[in-house]
Protein backbone atom coordinates (compact mmCIF):
# COMPACT_ATOMS: atom_id res chain seq x y z
CA MET A 1 116.64 219.37 56.80
CA ASN A 2 113.98 221.02 58.76
CA PRO A 3 111.60 218.91 60.78
CA VAL A 4 107.93 219.28 59.84
CA PRO A 5 105.83 219.01 62.79
CA PRO A 6 103.84 215.82 63.19
CA ASN A 7 100.30 215.36 64.47
CA GLN A 8 100.69 214.33 68.30
CA ASN A 9 98.47 212.70 70.37
CA GLN A 10 98.57 213.87 73.91
CA ASN A 11 96.58 211.44 75.87
CA SER A 12 98.78 211.13 78.81
CA THR A 13 97.57 208.83 81.64
CA ALA A 14 97.51 209.34 85.20
CA ALA A 15 96.61 207.76 88.25
CA SER A 16 94.30 209.56 90.82
CA GLY A 17 93.32 208.95 94.35
CA THR A 18 93.72 205.33 95.81
CA ALA A 19 93.34 202.07 93.90
CA GLY A 20 90.05 201.33 95.29
CA THR A 21 88.31 204.84 94.16
CA ALA A 22 86.32 204.40 91.10
CA ALA A 23 85.74 207.84 90.23
CA SER A 24 88.23 210.49 89.44
CA PRO A 25 87.60 214.20 89.12
CA ALA A 26 86.46 215.62 85.51
CA PRO A 27 87.78 218.32 83.70
CA ALA A 28 86.16 221.70 84.56
CA THR A 29 83.66 221.38 81.49
CA GLY A 30 80.55 221.73 83.58
CA SER A 31 79.68 218.01 82.87
CA SER A 32 79.32 215.27 85.67
CA PRO A 33 82.27 213.27 87.23
CA THR A 34 83.98 210.77 84.79
CA PHE A 35 84.53 207.14 86.04
CA SER A 36 87.71 205.11 85.52
CA PRO A 37 87.43 201.50 85.48
CA LEU A 38 89.33 199.99 88.36
CA TYR A 39 91.89 197.99 86.07
CA GLN A 40 92.89 201.38 84.69
CA GLN A 41 93.61 202.80 87.95
CA ILE A 42 95.29 199.74 88.67
CA LYS A 43 97.46 200.19 85.33
CA ALA A 44 98.15 203.87 85.64
CA LEU A 45 99.45 202.75 89.59
CA ILE A 46 101.79 200.03 87.82
CA THR A 47 102.92 202.37 85.21
CA GLN A 48 103.93 204.90 88.04
CA SER A 49 106.28 202.21 89.52
CA LEU A 50 107.73 201.78 86.12
CA GLN A 51 108.35 205.37 85.47
CA SER A 52 109.97 205.63 88.78
CA GLY A 53 112.38 202.85 88.33
CA GLU A 54 110.82 200.58 91.07
CA TRP A 55 111.22 197.87 88.44
CA LYS A 56 113.97 198.53 85.85
CA PRO A 57 114.03 197.95 82.34
CA GLY A 58 114.13 193.89 81.57
CA GLU A 59 113.58 193.13 85.46
CA LEU A 60 110.81 190.66 86.66
CA ILE A 61 107.93 192.51 88.14
CA PRO A 62 105.83 191.06 90.92
CA SER A 63 103.14 188.47 90.19
CA GLU A 64 99.43 188.94 89.76
CA VAL A 65 98.90 187.50 93.05
CA GLU A 66 101.35 189.94 94.66
CA LEU A 67 100.22 192.93 92.91
CA ALA A 68 96.55 192.06 93.76
CA ASN A 69 97.69 191.85 97.46
CA ARG A 70 99.51 195.06 97.28
CA PHE A 71 96.56 197.27 95.67
CA LYS A 72 93.72 195.35 97.34
CA VAL A 73 92.06 194.05 94.21
CA SER A 74 91.32 190.90 92.53
CA GLN A 75 93.71 189.10 90.48
CA GLY A 76 91.45 189.27 87.51
CA THR A 77 91.58 193.17 87.75
CA VAL A 78 95.59 192.96 87.89
CA ARG A 79 95.48 190.88 84.77
CA LYS A 80 93.63 192.81 82.91
CA ALA A 81 95.71 196.18 83.69
CA ILE A 82 98.75 194.23 82.80
CA ASP A 83 97.28 192.87 79.60
CA GLU A 84 96.95 196.47 78.39
CA LEU A 85 100.52 197.11 79.59
CA ALA A 86 102.00 194.18 77.54
CA ALA A 87 99.72 195.78 74.44
CA GLU A 88 101.12 198.84 74.66
CA ASN A 89 104.89 197.21 75.11
CA LEU A 90 105.57 198.51 78.38
CA VAL A 91 105.90 195.06 79.88
CA MET A 92 106.25 191.40 78.46
CA ARG A 93 105.31 188.28 79.38
CA ARG A 94 107.33 185.11 79.19
CA GLN A 95 105.77 181.63 79.22
CA GLY A 96 106.36 179.82 82.66
CA LYS A 97 108.76 182.96 84.12
CA GLY A 98 106.40 185.71 84.70
CA THR A 99 105.79 189.48 83.37
CA PHE A 100 109.12 191.61 82.99
CA VAL A 101 109.67 195.52 82.07
CA SER A 102 110.15 195.62 78.48
CA THR A 103 113.75 196.89 77.29
CA HIS A 104 115.04 198.10 74.22
CA HIS A 105 117.87 195.72 74.38
CA GLU A 106 115.55 193.11 73.55
CA ALA A 107 116.18 191.71 70.12
CA ARG A 108 112.38 192.14 69.04
CA ALA A 109 112.30 195.60 70.15
CA HIS A 110 115.02 196.57 67.82
CA PHE A 111 112.41 196.63 64.99
CA ARG A 112 109.56 198.46 66.88
CA PHE A 113 110.64 201.98 66.01
CA LEU A 114 112.68 200.87 62.61
CA ARG A 115 110.18 199.88 60.27
CA LEU A 116 112.57 199.76 57.38
CA MET A 117 112.34 196.30 55.92
CA PRO A 118 114.31 194.32 53.15
CA ASP A 119 112.38 193.40 50.12
CA GLU A 120 114.36 189.83 50.44
CA GLY A 121 115.91 188.09 53.18
CA VAL A 122 115.99 188.56 57.00
CA PRO A 123 115.31 192.09 58.79
CA HIS A 124 118.73 192.79 60.71
CA TYR A 125 119.87 195.97 62.36
CA PRO A 126 121.79 198.61 60.26
CA GLU A 127 125.49 199.51 60.95
CA SER A 128 125.51 203.22 61.98
CA LYS A 129 128.24 205.90 60.93
CA ILE A 130 128.30 209.04 63.21
CA ILE A 131 128.49 212.16 60.87
CA GLU A 132 128.04 215.14 63.51
CA VAL A 133 127.21 215.55 67.02
CA LYS A 134 127.01 219.06 68.65
CA ARG A 135 125.21 221.09 70.98
CA ILE A 136 122.88 223.92 69.94
CA ARG A 137 120.08 226.11 70.73
CA ALA A 138 116.54 225.02 70.30
CA PRO A 139 115.26 227.08 67.14
CA ALA A 140 111.31 227.58 67.70
CA ASP A 141 109.94 224.81 65.42
CA VAL A 142 111.71 222.04 67.51
CA ALA A 143 111.36 223.73 70.84
CA ARG A 144 107.80 223.38 70.40
CA LEU A 145 107.68 219.74 69.29
CA LEU A 146 109.81 218.70 72.43
CA ASP A 147 108.06 221.26 74.91
CA MET A 148 110.96 223.32 75.46
CA LYS A 149 111.72 227.01 75.43
CA THR A 150 113.53 228.43 72.11
CA GLY A 151 116.98 228.78 72.84
CA ASP A 152 117.15 225.87 75.35
CA ALA A 153 120.26 223.43 74.84
CA LEU A 154 120.01 220.77 72.40
CA ILE A 155 122.04 217.88 71.30
CA PHE A 156 121.98 217.38 67.43
CA ILE A 157 123.13 214.32 65.89
CA LYS A 158 123.34 213.02 62.22
CA ARG A 159 124.23 209.70 61.30
CA VAL A 160 124.08 207.37 58.02
CA GLN A 161 122.66 203.79 58.27
CA SER A 162 123.60 201.27 56.04
CA PHE A 163 122.50 197.61 55.43
CA ASP A 164 125.28 195.24 54.14
CA GLY A 165 127.56 198.00 53.39
CA VAL A 166 124.93 199.95 51.34
CA PRO A 167 124.02 203.64 52.66
CA THR A 168 120.31 203.43 53.02
CA ILE A 169 119.19 206.15 56.04
CA VAL A 170 120.36 209.49 56.87
CA GLU A 171 118.90 210.60 59.92
CA GLU A 172 118.99 213.91 62.00
CA LEU A 173 117.84 213.75 65.69
CA TRP A 174 117.28 216.34 68.37
CA LEU A 175 117.75 215.54 71.91
CA PRO A 176 116.89 217.92 75.05
CA GLY A 177 120.50 218.67 76.18
CA GLN A 178 119.81 218.42 79.94
CA THR A 179 118.11 214.98 79.43
CA PHE A 180 121.16 213.43 77.55
CA LYS A 181 123.95 215.78 79.36
CA GLY A 182 127.11 213.52 78.72
CA LEU A 183 125.75 212.15 75.29
CA THR A 184 128.97 212.38 72.86
CA ALA A 185 130.05 211.44 69.66
CA GLU A 186 132.54 209.24 71.16
CA ARG A 187 130.32 207.44 73.50
CA LEU A 188 128.09 206.92 70.42
CA MET A 189 130.51 205.46 68.04
CA GLU A 190 131.69 203.09 71.20
CA TYR A 191 128.01 201.82 71.47
CA LYS A 192 127.46 198.64 69.25
CA GLY A 193 123.71 198.38 70.32
CA PRO A 194 120.60 200.06 69.09
CA MET A 195 120.56 203.86 70.19
CA TYR A 196 117.23 203.74 72.23
CA GLY A 197 119.15 200.98 74.19
CA LEU A 198 121.84 203.28 75.12
CA PHE A 199 119.24 206.18 76.18
CA GLU A 200 117.72 203.64 78.23
CA SER A 201 120.37 202.00 80.23
CA GLU A 202 122.85 205.34 80.52
CA PHE A 203 120.19 208.00 80.65
CA GLY A 204 117.51 206.59 82.08
CA THR A 205 115.25 207.72 79.15
CA ARG A 206 112.98 204.73 77.78
CA MET A 207 111.08 205.69 74.53
CA ILE A 208 107.31 204.54 74.81
CA ARG A 209 105.36 205.68 71.85
CA ALA A 210 105.98 207.78 68.65
CA ALA A 211 104.15 209.92 66.56
CA GLU A 212 105.41 209.91 62.71
CA LYS A 213 104.66 211.87 59.66
CA ILE A 214 105.83 210.07 56.21
CA ARG A 215 105.97 211.66 52.80
CA ALA A 216 107.89 211.22 49.66
CA VAL A 217 110.48 213.66 48.90
CA CYS A 218 113.66 214.09 46.35
CA ALA A 219 117.21 213.83 47.56
CA ASP A 220 119.03 217.35 47.94
CA GLY A 221 122.81 217.34 47.05
CA ALA A 222 123.80 216.73 50.65
CA ALA A 223 121.60 213.52 51.15
CA ALA A 224 122.38 212.34 47.77
CA GLU A 225 126.30 212.57 48.64
CA LEU A 226 125.58 210.78 51.85
CA LEU A 227 123.69 208.12 50.23
CA GLY A 228 125.61 207.79 46.97
CA ILE A 229 122.78 208.48 44.98
CA ALA A 230 121.68 211.04 42.04
CA GLU A 231 120.42 214.35 43.34
CA GLY A 232 116.60 214.13 42.82
CA THR A 233 116.13 210.40 43.60
CA PRO A 234 113.03 209.71 45.40
CA LEU A 235 113.31 208.87 49.12
CA LEU A 236 111.03 208.14 51.80
CA CYS A 237 110.77 210.93 54.61
CA ALA A 238 109.77 209.75 58.18
CA GLU A 239 109.68 212.82 60.81
CA ARG A 240 108.84 211.36 64.46
CA VAL A 241 108.65 212.77 68.01
CA SER A 242 108.98 210.01 70.40
CA PHE A 243 107.83 210.06 73.97
CA THR A 244 108.76 208.68 77.47
CA TYR A 245 106.27 207.96 80.46
CA GLY A 246 103.91 210.82 81.18
CA ASP A 247 103.77 211.49 77.09
CA LYS A 248 106.93 213.46 77.77
CA PRO A 249 108.44 214.44 74.42
CA VAL A 250 112.30 213.48 74.41
CA GLU A 251 113.43 213.12 70.70
CA LEU A 252 112.89 214.61 67.40
CA ARG A 253 113.90 212.58 64.47
CA ARG A 254 114.16 212.99 60.93
CA GLY A 255 115.01 209.97 58.42
CA LEU A 256 115.63 209.79 54.69
CA TYR A 257 115.10 206.40 53.55
CA LEU A 258 116.45 204.96 50.23
CA THR A 259 113.79 202.33 49.26
CA ALA A 260 115.52 200.65 46.40
CA HIS A 261 115.90 197.47 48.13
CA HIS A 262 113.88 198.36 51.22
CA HIS A 263 110.15 198.96 52.36
CA TYR A 264 108.55 200.84 55.02
CA GLN A 265 106.40 198.14 57.00
CA ASN A 266 103.68 198.89 59.34
CA GLU A 267 101.16 196.73 61.15
CA LEU A 268 97.63 198.36 61.55
CA ASN A 269 95.24 196.59 64.50
């Protein structure tokens, strides 16, 4: 199961200067300076606070009025910045309660990165069986996708996920060993929530976005045995690189999906 490099967007957001500065230095291309709208600068500053842990996942952030006073801008400017952060799932608004830092422990977040849905019935999170967890040295292709050096420490995880007792997904994951130091098979088996929730609460790593490549494949012998199907059965293969704040890649994942009773669902907007 060798990962195929997905196409990646490397559009990281950075705040430059103070909140009241309307222009930021342009790249050394010979062109005139580029101008960043004020709300985008406020968005970048709020994102920095999220990244630094000033406001933890699930916590209430200051009100728009408080943030406007903090950054010396209008409430409308703050609202526009938070609108974009909410659209990117970094924060979530709750009617009458305020704005909270998004967390993978929220029920609605469970299906943000799991797009395999049942053809019938209500979507629910699968049961997970850990097959293997081990520390390895990063091969060149994995190291490149995770912005690491060849030979750096990695944690490799292999698991099978089942819906209603039926094996449906075989997954392989590669994680930077330094970031996830202390992650063991025992801890993964003890933890009953979504894996990204564990990464967030115990390793301080929150998945922000992912770049994914999908293709149709035939089950090889190993996948067929784990899924209880005939070798050569059609499967959906999804290969994903997930990123945390600062567009830092922190996970490579390859999933083989059996779609006899499920489909891959995505919303485009």
